[in-house]
All heavy atoms as atom14 arrays in JSON, in Angstrom:
{
  "sequence": "LKPPHSVIFAAVTAEEQGLLGSEYLGQHPPIPAGQIALDLNYDDIQPF",
  "atom14_mask": [
    [1, 1, 1, 1, 1, 1, 1, 1, 0, 0, 0, 0, 0, 0],
    [1, 1, 1, 1, 1, 1, 1, 1, 1, 0, 0, 0, 0, 0],
    [1, 1, 1, 1, 1, 1, 1, 0, 0, 0, 0, 0, 0, 0],
    [1, 1, 1, 1, 1, 1, 1, 0, 0, 0, 0, 0, 0, 0],
    [1, 1, 1, 1, 1, 1, 1, 1, 1, 1, 0, 0, 0, 0],
    [1, 1, 1, 1, 1, 1, 0, 0, 0, 0, 0, 0, 0, 0],
    [1, 1, 1, 1, 1, 1, 1, 0, 0, 0, 0, 0, 0, 0],
    [1, 1, 1, 1, 1, 1, 1, 1, 0, 0, 0, 0, 0, 0],
    [1, 1, 1, 1, 1, 1, 1, 1, 1, 1, 1, 0, 0, 0],
    [1, 1, 1, 1, 1, 0, 0, 0, 0, 0, 0, 0, 0, 0],
    [1, 1, 1, 1, 1, 0, 0, 0, 0, 0, 0, 0, 0, 0],
    [1, 1, 1, 1, 1, 1, 1, 0, 0, 0, 0, 0, 0, 0],
    [1, 1, 1, 1, 1, 1, 1, 0, 0, 0, 0, 0, 0, 0],
    [1, 1, 1, 1, 1, 0, 0, 0, 0, 0, 0, 0, 0, 0],
    [1, 1, 1, 1, 1, 1, 1, 1, 1, 0, 0, 0, 0, 0],
    [1, 1, 1, 1, 1, 1, 1, 1, 1, 0, 0, 0, 0, 0],
    [1, 1, 1, 1, 1, 1, 1, 1, 1, 0, 0, 0, 0, 0],
    [1, 1, 1, 1, 0, 0, 0, 0, 0, 0, 0, 0, 0, 0],
    [1, 1, 1, 1, 1, 1, 1, 1, 0, 0, 0, 0, 0, 0],
    [1, 1, 1, 1, 1, 1, 1, 1, 0, 0, 0, 0, 0, 0],
    [1, 1, 1, 1, 0, 0, 0, 0, 0, 0, 0, 0, 0, 0],
    [1, 1, 1, 1, 1, 1, 0, 0, 0, 0, 0, 0, 0, 0],
    [1, 1, 1, 1, 1, 1, 1, 1, 1, 0, 0, 0, 0, 0],
    [1, 1, 1, 1, 1, 1, 1, 1, 1, 1, 1, 1, 0, 0],
    [1, 1, 1, 1, 1, 1, 1, 1, 0, 0, 0, 0, 0, 0],
    [1, 1, 1, 1, 0, 0, 0, 0, 0, 0, 0, 0, 0, 0],
    [1, 1, 1, 1, 1, 1, 1, 1, 1, 0, 0, 0, 0, 0],
    [1, 1, 1, 1, 1, 1, 1, 1, 1, 1, 0, 0, 0, 0],
    [1, 1, 1, 1, 1, 1, 1, 0, 0, 0, 0, 0, 0, 0],
    [1, 1, 1, 1, 1, 1, 1, 0, 0, 0, 0, 0, 0, 0],
    [1, 1, 1, 1, 1, 1, 1, 1, 0, 0, 0, 0, 0, 0],
    [1, 1, 1, 1, 1, 1, 1, 0, 0, 0, 0, 0, 0, 0],
    [1, 1, 1, 1, 1, 0, 0, 0, 0, 0, 0, 0, 0, 0],
    [1, 1, 1, 1, 0, 0, 0, 0, 0, 0, 0, 0, 0, 0],
    [1, 1, 1, 1, 1, 1, 1, 1, 1, 0, 0, 0, 0, 0],
    [1, 1, 1, 1, 1, 1, 1, 1, 0, 0, 0, 0, 0, 0],
    [1, 1, 1, 1, 1, 0, 0, 0, 0, 0, 0, 0, 0, 0],
    [1, 1, 1, 1, 1, 1, 1, 1, 0, 0, 0, 0, 0, 0],
    [1, 1, 1, 1, 1, 1, 1, 1, 0, 0, 0, 0, 0, 0],
    [1, 1, 1, 1, 1, 1, 1, 1, 0, 0, 0, 0, 0, 0],
    [1, 1, 1, 1, 1, 1, 1, 1, 0, 0, 0, 0, 0, 0],
    [1, 1, 1, 1, 1, 1, 1, 1, 1, 1, 1, 1, 0, 0],
    [1, 1, 1, 1, 1, 1, 1, 1, 0, 0, 0, 0, 0, 0],
    [1, 1, 1, 1, 1, 1, 1, 1, 0, 0, 0, 0, 0, 0],
    [1, 1, 1, 1, 1, 1, 1, 1, 0, 0, 0, 0, 0, 0],
    [1, 1, 1, 1, 1, 1, 1, 1, 1, 0, 0, 0, 0, 0],
    [1, 1, 1, 1, 1, 1, 1, 0, 0, 0, 0, 0, 0, 0],
    [1, 1, 1, 1, 1, 1, 1, 1, 1, 1, 1, 0, 0, 0]
  ],
  "atom14_positions": [
    [[102.43, 91.05, 66.42], [103.25, 90.55, 67.51], [103.61, 89.07, 67.22], [103.02, 88.41, 66.37], [102.53, 90.64, 68.86], [102.15, 92.06, 69.27], [101.3, 91.97, 70.57], [103.36, 92.92, 69.49], [0.0, 0.0, 0.0], [0.0, 0.0, 0.0], [0.0, 0.0, 0.0], [0.0, 0.0, 0.0], [0.0, 0.0, 0.0], [0.0, 0.0, 0.0]],
    [[104.59, 88.58, 68.02], [104.94, 87.16, 67.97], [104.79, 86.6, 69.36], [105.7, 86.53, 70.14], [106.39, 86.97, 67.52], [106.59, 87.43, 66.11], [108.07, 87.26, 65.65], [108.25, 87.71, 64.21], [109.69, 87.55, 63.78], [0.0, 0.0, 0.0], [0.0, 0.0, 0.0], [0.0, 0.0, 0.0], [0.0, 0.0, 0.0], [0.0, 0.0, 0.0]],
    [[103.56, 86.19, 69.71], [103.22, 85.69, 71.07], [103.85, 84.33, 71.36], [104.14, 83.56, 70.45], [101.71, 85.63, 71.06], [101.35, 85.33, 69.6], [102.35, 86.12, 68.82], [0.0, 0.0, 0.0], [0.0, 0.0, 0.0], [0.0, 0.0, 0.0], [0.0, 0.0, 0.0], [0.0, 0.0, 0.0], [0.0, 0.0, 0.0], [0.0, 0.0, 0.0]],
    [[104.08, 84.05, 72.62], [104.69, 82.75, 72.98], [103.74, 81.56, 72.67], [104.18, 80.47, 72.32], [104.97, 82.88, 74.5], [104.06, 83.96, 74.92], [103.88, 84.93, 73.78], [0.0, 0.0, 0.0], [0.0, 0.0, 0.0], [0.0, 0.0, 0.0], [0.0, 0.0, 0.0], [0.0, 0.0, 0.0], [0.0, 0.0, 0.0], [0.0, 0.0, 0.0]],
    [[102.45, 81.83, 72.84], [101.49, 80.8, 72.5], [100.47, 81.33, 71.52], [100.42, 82.53, 71.29], [100.78, 80.31, 73.79], [101.65, 79.64, 74.79], [102.09, 78.33, 74.63], [102.27, 80.03, 75.92], [102.87, 77.97, 75.61], [102.97, 79.03, 76.45], [0.0, 0.0, 0.0], [0.0, 0.0, 0.0], [0.0, 0.0, 0.0], [0.0, 0.0, 0.0]],
    [[99.63, 80.45, 71.01], [98.71, 80.89, 69.96], [97.6, 81.79, 70.51], [97.21, 81.69, 71.69], [98.04, 79.62, 69.34], [99.06, 78.79, 68.76], [0.0, 0.0, 0.0], [0.0, 0.0, 0.0], [0.0, 0.0, 0.0], [0.0, 0.0, 0.0], [0.0, 0.0, 0.0], [0.0, 0.0, 0.0], [0.0, 0.0, 0.0], [0.0, 0.0, 0.0]],
    [[97.09, 82.64, 69.66], [95.95, 83.52, 69.95], [94.94, 83.21, 68.86], [95.16, 83.34, 67.64], [96.32, 84.96, 69.94], [95.13, 85.75, 70.42], [97.54, 85.22, 70.78], [0.0, 0.0, 0.0], [0.0, 0.0, 0.0], [0.0, 0.0, 0.0], [0.0, 0.0, 0.0], [0.0, 0.0, 0.0], [0.0, 0.0, 0.0], [0.0, 0.0, 0.0]],
    [[93.74, 82.83, 69.33], [92.61, 82.43, 68.45], [91.57, 83.53, 68.47], [91.25, 84.1, 69.56], [92.03, 81.15, 68.95], [93.04, 79.98, 68.94], [90.8, 80.66, 68.02], [92.62, 78.76, 69.73], [0.0, 0.0, 0.0], [0.0, 0.0, 0.0], [0.0, 0.0, 0.0], [0.0, 0.0, 0.0], [0.0, 0.0, 0.0], [0.0, 0.0, 0.0]],
    [[91.0, 83.85, 67.34], [89.93, 84.82, 67.21], [88.72, 84.14, 66.59], [88.82, 83.62, 65.44], [90.37, 86.03, 66.35], [91.56, 86.74, 66.93], [92.87, 86.28, 66.66], [91.42, 87.78, 67.78], [93.96, 86.92, 67.2], [92.5, 88.45, 68.33], [93.78, 87.98, 68.07], [0.0, 0.0, 0.0], [0.0, 0.0, 0.0], [0.0, 0.0, 0.0]],
    [[87.59, 84.17, 67.29], [86.42, 83.42, 66.85], [85.18, 84.33, 66.87], [84.76, 84.75, 67.95], [86.17, 82.2, 67.73], [0.0, 0.0, 0.0], [0.0, 0.0, 0.0], [0.0, 0.0, 0.0], [0.0, 0.0, 0.0], [0.0, 0.0, 0.0], [0.0, 0.0, 0.0], [0.0, 0.0, 0.0], [0.0, 0.0, 0.0], [0.0, 0.0, 0.0]],
    [[84.65, 84.56, 65.67], [83.32, 85.24, 65.54], [82.31, 84.12, 65.27], [82.38, 83.49, 64.23], [83.32, 86.25, 64.42], [0.0, 0.0, 0.0], [0.0, 0.0, 0.0], [0.0, 0.0, 0.0], [0.0, 0.0, 0.0], [0.0, 0.0, 0.0], [0.0, 0.0, 0.0], [0.0, 0.0, 0.0], [0.0, 0.0, 0.0], [0.0, 0.0, 0.0]],
    [[81.43, 83.95, 66.25], [80.55, 82.8, 66.14], [79.13, 83.11, 65.74], [78.69, 84.3, 65.97], [80.54, 82.01, 67.48], [81.94, 81.46, 67.84], [79.97, 82.89, 68.65], [0.0, 0.0, 0.0], [0.0, 0.0, 0.0], [0.0, 0.0, 0.0], [0.0, 0.0, 0.0], [0.0, 0.0, 0.0], [0.0, 0.0, 0.0], [0.0, 0.0, 0.0]],
    [[78.46, 82.19, 65.19], [77.11, 82.36, 64.69], [76.08, 81.76, 65.72], [76.46, 81.11, 66.66], [76.93, 81.63, 63.31], [75.69, 81.94, 62.77], [77.05, 80.17, 63.43], [0.0, 0.0, 0.0], [0.0, 0.0, 0.0], [0.0, 0.0, 0.0], [0.0, 0.0, 0.0], [0.0, 0.0, 0.0], [0.0, 0.0, 0.0], [0.0, 0.0, 0.0]],
    [[74.81, 82.15, 65.5], [73.71, 81.53, 66.14], [73.8, 81.64, 67.71], [73.2, 80.74, 68.4], [73.49, 80.05, 65.73], [0.0, 0.0, 0.0], [0.0, 0.0, 0.0], [0.0, 0.0, 0.0], [0.0, 0.0, 0.0], [0.0, 0.0, 0.0], [0.0, 0.0, 0.0], [0.0, 0.0, 0.0], [0.0, 0.0, 0.0], [0.0, 0.0, 0.0]],
    [[74.37, 82.65, 68.22], [74.37, 82.89, 69.63], [72.93, 83.18, 70.15], [72.45, 82.65, 71.2], [75.25, 84.06, 70.03], [75.44, 84.28, 71.56], [74.47, 85.25, 72.15], [73.61, 85.79, 71.48], [74.53, 85.42, 73.4], [0.0, 0.0, 0.0], [0.0, 0.0, 0.0], [0.0, 0.0, 0.0], [0.0, 0.0, 0.0], [0.0, 0.0, 0.0]],
    [[72.23, 83.97, 69.36], [70.85, 84.35, 69.76], [69.91, 83.23, 69.74], [68.75, 83.28, 70.25], [70.35, 85.51, 68.83], [71.2, 86.73, 68.8], [71.17, 87.54, 70.09], [70.6, 87.04, 71.14], [71.71, 88.63, 70.11], [0.0, 0.0, 0.0], [0.0, 0.0, 0.0], [0.0, 0.0, 0.0], [0.0, 0.0, 0.0], [0.0, 0.0, 0.0]],
    [[70.33, 82.08, 69.16], [69.45, 80.89, 69.06], [69.79, 79.93, 70.19], [69.31, 78.73, 70.12], [69.6, 80.2, 67.67], [69.36, 81.19, 66.53], [67.92, 81.72, 66.51], [67.0, 80.96, 66.85], [67.75, 82.91, 66.15], [0.0, 0.0, 0.0], [0.0, 0.0, 0.0], [0.0, 0.0, 0.0], [0.0, 0.0, 0.0], [0.0, 0.0, 0.0]],
    [[70.58, 80.33, 71.14], [70.93, 79.44, 72.27], [72.38, 79.09, 72.25], [72.73, 77.92, 72.66], [0.0, 0.0, 0.0], [0.0, 0.0, 0.0], [0.0, 0.0, 0.0], [0.0, 0.0, 0.0], [0.0, 0.0, 0.0], [0.0, 0.0, 0.0], [0.0, 0.0, 0.0], [0.0, 0.0, 0.0], [0.0, 0.0, 0.0], [0.0, 0.0, 0.0]],
    [[73.3, 79.98, 71.85], [74.76, 79.74, 71.96], [75.15, 78.6, 71.07], [76.16, 77.91, 71.34], [75.19, 79.51, 73.39], [74.67, 80.41, 74.49], [75.3, 80.1, 75.83], [74.88, 81.93, 74.16], [0.0, 0.0, 0.0], [0.0, 0.0, 0.0], [0.0, 0.0, 0.0], [0.0, 0.0, 0.0], [0.0, 0.0, 0.0], [0.0, 0.0, 0.0]],
    [[74.49, 78.43, 69.91], [74.72, 77.21, 69.13], [76.04, 77.22, 68.39], [76.69, 76.18, 68.3], [73.52, 77.04, 68.15], [72.16, 76.85, 68.75], [71.12, 76.61, 67.72], [72.14, 75.72, 69.76], [0.0, 0.0, 0.0], [0.0, 0.0, 0.0], [0.0, 0.0, 0.0], [0.0, 0.0, 0.0], [0.0, 0.0, 0.0], [0.0, 0.0, 0.0]],
    [[76.42, 78.32, 67.8], [77.71, 78.38, 67.09], [78.83, 78.09, 68.01], [79.79, 77.34, 67.68], [0.0, 0.0, 0.0], [0.0, 0.0, 0.0], [0.0, 0.0, 0.0], [0.0, 0.0, 0.0], [0.0, 0.0, 0.0], [0.0, 0.0, 0.0], [0.0, 0.0, 0.0], [0.0, 0.0, 0.0], [0.0, 0.0, 0.0], [0.0, 0.0, 0.0]],
    [[78.85, 78.7, 69.15], [79.98, 78.5, 70.13], [79.88, 77.06, 70.71], [80.9, 76.57, 71.04], [79.9, 79.56, 71.22], [78.68, 79.53, 71.97], [0.0, 0.0, 0.0], [0.0, 0.0, 0.0], [0.0, 0.0, 0.0], [0.0, 0.0, 0.0], [0.0, 0.0, 0.0], [0.0, 0.0, 0.0], [0.0, 0.0, 0.0], [0.0, 0.0, 0.0]],
    [[78.72, 76.56, 70.87], [78.57, 75.16, 71.35], [79.3, 74.24, 70.34], [80.06, 73.35, 70.76], [77.12, 74.76, 71.44], [76.92, 73.28, 71.93], [75.51, 72.91, 72.06], [74.61, 73.76, 72.12], [75.17, 71.67, 72.12], [0.0, 0.0, 0.0], [0.0, 0.0, 0.0], [0.0, 0.0, 0.0], [0.0, 0.0, 0.0], [0.0, 0.0, 0.0]],
    [[79.05, 74.43, 69.04], [79.73, 73.61, 68.03], [81.27, 73.88, 68.05], [82.02, 72.88, 67.99], [79.16, 73.91, 66.67], [79.65, 73.01, 65.56], [79.1, 71.78, 65.28], [80.81, 73.37, 64.82], [79.54, 70.94, 64.32], [81.35, 72.51, 63.85], [80.71, 71.3, 63.63], [81.15, 70.47, 62.61], [0.0, 0.0, 0.0], [0.0, 0.0, 0.0]],
    [[81.69, 75.11, 68.18], [83.07, 75.44, 68.2], [83.74, 74.85, 69.43], [84.86, 74.27, 69.35], [83.32, 76.94, 68.16], [84.76, 77.41, 68.21], [85.58, 76.89, 67.05], [84.83, 78.94, 68.24], [0.0, 0.0, 0.0], [0.0, 0.0, 0.0], [0.0, 0.0, 0.0], [0.0, 0.0, 0.0], [0.0, 0.0, 0.0], [0.0, 0.0, 0.0]],
    [[83.04, 74.82, 70.54], [83.6, 74.19, 71.77], [83.79, 72.68, 71.59], [84.77, 72.12, 72.13], [0.0, 0.0, 0.0], [0.0, 0.0, 0.0], [0.0, 0.0, 0.0], [0.0, 0.0, 0.0], [0.0, 0.0, 0.0], [0.0, 0.0, 0.0], [0.0, 0.0, 0.0], [0.0, 0.0, 0.0], [0.0, 0.0, 0.0], [0.0, 0.0, 0.0]],
    [[82.93, 72.13, 70.84], [83.02, 70.65, 70.58], [84.03, 70.4, 69.43], [84.53, 69.23, 69.39], [81.65, 70.05, 70.2], [80.65, 70.2, 71.38], [79.25, 69.85, 70.91], [78.98, 69.65, 69.73], [78.28, 69.79, 71.85], [0.0, 0.0, 0.0], [0.0, 0.0, 0.0], [0.0, 0.0, 0.0], [0.0, 0.0, 0.0], [0.0, 0.0, 0.0]],
    [[84.33, 71.32, 68.66], [85.29, 71.19, 67.52], [86.25, 72.36, 67.44], [86.28, 73.12, 66.48], [84.51, 71.06, 66.18], [83.45, 70.02, 66.17], [82.17, 70.25, 66.65], [83.47, 68.72, 65.71], [81.44, 69.15, 66.47], [82.21, 68.22, 65.94], [0.0, 0.0, 0.0], [0.0, 0.0, 0.0], [0.0, 0.0, 0.0], [0.0, 0.0, 0.0]],
    [[87.11, 72.5, 68.5], [87.99, 73.69, 68.55], [89.13, 73.55, 67.6], [89.49, 72.4, 67.15], [88.48, 73.65, 69.98], [88.41, 72.25, 70.44], [87.18, 71.66, 69.68], [0.0, 0.0, 0.0], [0.0, 0.0, 0.0], [0.0, 0.0, 0.0], [0.0, 0.0, 0.0], [0.0, 0.0, 0.0], [0.0, 0.0, 0.0], [0.0, 0.0, 0.0]],
    [[89.79, 74.6, 67.19], [90.91, 74.53, 66.23], [92.14, 73.85, 66.8], [92.96, 73.33, 66.07], [91.16, 76.0, 65.91], [90.61, 76.81, 67.0], [89.4, 76.0, 67.5], [0.0, 0.0, 0.0], [0.0, 0.0, 0.0], [0.0, 0.0, 0.0], [0.0, 0.0, 0.0], [0.0, 0.0, 0.0], [0.0, 0.0, 0.0], [0.0, 0.0, 0.0]],
    [[92.3, 73.94, 68.15], [93.27, 73.16, 68.84], [92.58, 72.53, 70.03], [91.46, 72.93, 70.4], [94.5, 74.02, 69.31], [94.0, 75.02, 70.41], [95.14, 74.74, 68.18], [95.13, 75.81, 71.04], [0.0, 0.0, 0.0], [0.0, 0.0, 0.0], [0.0, 0.0, 0.0], [0.0, 0.0, 0.0], [0.0, 0.0, 0.0], [0.0, 0.0, 0.0]],
    [[93.1, 71.46, 70.67], [92.41, 70.81, 71.72], [91.98, 71.76, 72.83], [92.74, 72.65, 73.22], [93.4, 69.75, 72.23], [94.24, 69.45, 71.02], [94.37, 70.8, 70.28], [0.0, 0.0, 0.0], [0.0, 0.0, 0.0], [0.0, 0.0, 0.0], [0.0, 0.0, 0.0], [0.0, 0.0, 0.0], [0.0, 0.0, 0.0], [0.0, 0.0, 0.0]],
    [[90.78, 71.59, 73.38], [90.3, 72.48, 74.4], [91.19, 72.52, 75.6], [91.35, 73.56, 76.32], [88.91, 72.04, 74.82], [0.0, 0.0, 0.0], [0.0, 0.0, 0.0], [0.0, 0.0, 0.0], [0.0, 0.0, 0.0], [0.0, 0.0, 0.0], [0.0, 0.0, 0.0], [0.0, 0.0, 0.0], [0.0, 0.0, 0.0], [0.0, 0.0, 0.0]],
    [[91.87, 71.42, 75.88], [92.79, 71.34, 77.06], [94.02, 72.25, 76.87], [94.75, 72.49, 77.85], [0.0, 0.0, 0.0], [0.0, 0.0, 0.0], [0.0, 0.0, 0.0], [0.0, 0.0, 0.0], [0.0, 0.0, 0.0], [0.0, 0.0, 0.0], [0.0, 0.0, 0.0], [0.0, 0.0, 0.0], [0.0, 0.0, 0.0], [0.0, 0.0, 0.0]],
    [[94.27, 72.7, 75.64], [95.4, 73.54, 75.37], [94.96, 75.01, 75.17], [95.78, 75.84, 74.73], [96.16, 73.04, 74.11], [96.78, 71.68, 74.3], [97.62, 71.25, 73.12], [98.25, 72.09, 72.43], [97.66, 69.95, 72.82], [0.0, 0.0, 0.0], [0.0, 0.0, 0.0], [0.0, 0.0, 0.0], [0.0, 0.0, 0.0], [0.0, 0.0, 0.0]],
    [[93.72, 75.34, 75.45], [93.28, 76.71, 75.49], [93.21, 77.15, 76.93], [92.45, 76.65, 77.7], [91.9, 76.86, 74.76], [91.95, 76.33, 73.36], [91.43, 78.32, 74.82], [90.66, 76.38, 72.62], [0.0, 0.0, 0.0], [0.0, 0.0, 0.0], [0.0, 0.0, 0.0], [0.0, 0.0, 0.0], [0.0, 0.0, 0.0], [0.0, 0.0, 0.0]],
    [[94.07, 78.13, 77.23], [94.18, 78.59, 78.65], [93.0, 79.45, 79.08], [92.68, 79.5, 80.23], [95.53, 79.32, 78.84], [0.0, 0.0, 0.0], [0.0, 0.0, 0.0], [0.0, 0.0, 0.0], [0.0, 0.0, 0.0], [0.0, 0.0, 0.0], [0.0, 0.0, 0.0], [0.0, 0.0, 0.0], [0.0, 0.0, 0.0], [0.0, 0.0, 0.0]],
    [[92.46, 80.18, 78.09], [91.49, 81.23, 78.49], [90.69, 81.66, 77.3], [91.18, 81.76, 76.21], [92.24, 82.43, 79.11], [91.44, 83.61, 79.6], [90.7, 83.2, 80.86], [92.38, 84.75, 79.89], [0.0, 0.0, 0.0], [0.0, 0.0, 0.0], [0.0, 0.0, 0.0], [0.0, 0.0, 0.0], [0.0, 0.0, 0.0], [0.0, 0.0, 0.0]],
    [[89.38, 81.87, 77.49], [88.56, 82.54, 76.5], [88.08, 83.85, 77.09], [87.5, 83.84, 78.18], [87.36, 81.67, 76.1], [86.41, 82.48, 75.28], [86.76, 82.89, 74.12], [85.23, 82.73, 75.69], [0.0, 0.0, 0.0], [0.0, 0.0, 0.0], [0.0, 0.0, 0.0], [0.0, 0.0, 0.0], [0.0, 0.0, 0.0], [0.0, 0.0, 0.0]],
    [[88.3, 84.91, 76.35], [87.79, 86.24, 76.75], [86.74, 86.62, 75.69], [87.01, 86.77, 74.5], [88.89, 87.26, 76.76], [90.02, 86.99, 77.76], [91.15, 87.96, 77.59], [89.46, 87.11, 79.25], [0.0, 0.0, 0.0], [0.0, 0.0, 0.0], [0.0, 0.0, 0.0], [0.0, 0.0, 0.0], [0.0, 0.0, 0.0], [0.0, 0.0, 0.0]],
    [[85.54, 86.77, 76.18], [84.39, 87.0, 75.28], [83.9, 88.43, 75.37], [83.94, 89.04, 76.43], [83.2, 86.07, 75.65], [82.06, 86.1, 74.71], [82.24, 85.79, 73.51], [80.92, 86.47, 75.25], [0.0, 0.0, 0.0], [0.0, 0.0, 0.0], [0.0, 0.0, 0.0], [0.0, 0.0, 0.0], [0.0, 0.0, 0.0], [0.0, 0.0, 0.0]],
    [[83.43, 89.01, 74.27], [82.9, 90.4, 74.24], [81.47, 90.3, 73.63], [81.27, 89.83, 72.55], [83.76, 91.26, 73.34], [85.13, 91.61, 74.0], [86.23, 90.93, 73.75], [85.12, 92.77, 74.85], [87.43, 91.27, 74.31], [86.4, 93.1, 75.46], [87.51, 92.38, 75.15], [88.71, 92.7, 75.77], [0.0, 0.0, 0.0], [0.0, 0.0, 0.0]],
    [[80.52, 90.84, 74.44], [79.11, 90.77, 73.99], [78.34, 91.96, 74.53], [78.33, 92.19, 75.71], [78.52, 89.48, 74.55], [77.13, 89.17, 73.98], [76.64, 89.95, 73.17], [76.48, 88.17, 74.38], [0.0, 0.0, 0.0], [0.0, 0.0, 0.0], [0.0, 0.0, 0.0], [0.0, 0.0, 0.0], [0.0, 0.0, 0.0], [0.0, 0.0, 0.0]],
    [[77.86, 92.74, 73.59], [76.95, 93.88, 73.92], [77.66, 94.93, 74.79], [77.21, 95.21, 75.96], [75.71, 93.3, 74.61], [74.5, 94.19, 74.45], [74.66, 95.36, 74.06], [73.34, 93.72, 74.74], [0.0, 0.0, 0.0], [0.0, 0.0, 0.0], [0.0, 0.0, 0.0], [0.0, 0.0, 0.0], [0.0, 0.0, 0.0], [0.0, 0.0, 0.0]],
    [[78.73, 95.49, 74.29], [79.44, 96.52, 75.03], [78.85, 97.84, 74.66], [79.05, 98.31, 73.56], [80.96, 96.51, 74.66], [81.51, 95.08, 74.83], [81.68, 97.51, 75.53], [81.43, 94.51, 76.31], [0.0, 0.0, 0.0], [0.0, 0.0, 0.0], [0.0, 0.0, 0.0], [0.0, 0.0, 0.0], [0.0, 0.0, 0.0], [0.0, 0.0, 0.0]],
    [[78.19, 98.47, 75.63], [77.47, 99.71, 75.34], [78.49, 100.86, 75.11], [79.34, 101.13, 75.91], [76.56, 100.03, 76.52], [75.44, 99.08, 76.69], [74.44, 99.08, 75.52], [74.28, 100.03, 74.8], [73.83, 97.9, 75.3], [0.0, 0.0, 0.0], [0.0, 0.0, 0.0], [0.0, 0.0, 0.0], [0.0, 0.0, 0.0], [0.0, 0.0, 0.0]],
    [[78.32, 101.62, 73.98], [79.23, 102.75, 73.73], [78.75, 104.0, 74.44], [78.26, 104.96, 73.84], [79.11, 102.89, 72.2], [77.73, 102.33, 71.84], [77.42, 101.3, 72.87], [0.0, 0.0, 0.0], [0.0, 0.0, 0.0], [0.0, 0.0, 0.0], [0.0, 0.0, 0.0], [0.0, 0.0, 0.0], [0.0, 0.0, 0.0], [0.0, 0.0, 0.0]],
    [[78.98, 104.0, 75.74], [78.49, 105.06, 76.64], [79.6, 106.04, 77.04], [79.33, 107.03, 77.76], [77.83, 104.5, 77.89], [76.53, 103.8, 77.7], [76.05, 102.91, 78.65], [75.78, 104.01, 76.54], [74.79, 102.27, 78.49], [74.59, 103.36, 76.37], [74.05, 102.48, 77.34], [0.0, 0.0, 0.0], [0.0, 0.0, 0.0], [0.0, 0.0, 0.0]]
  ]
}
């Protein structure tokens, strides 16, 4: 697709150690955090 705004995909490390990879990404995002409208996270989706 050609979306109107950017779409970022982030597979982060060290979540099980206290959300450390995402903590670092939050402090060093690919574009300024103020320009990210929304984060949708997927974690442990049971295949039921």
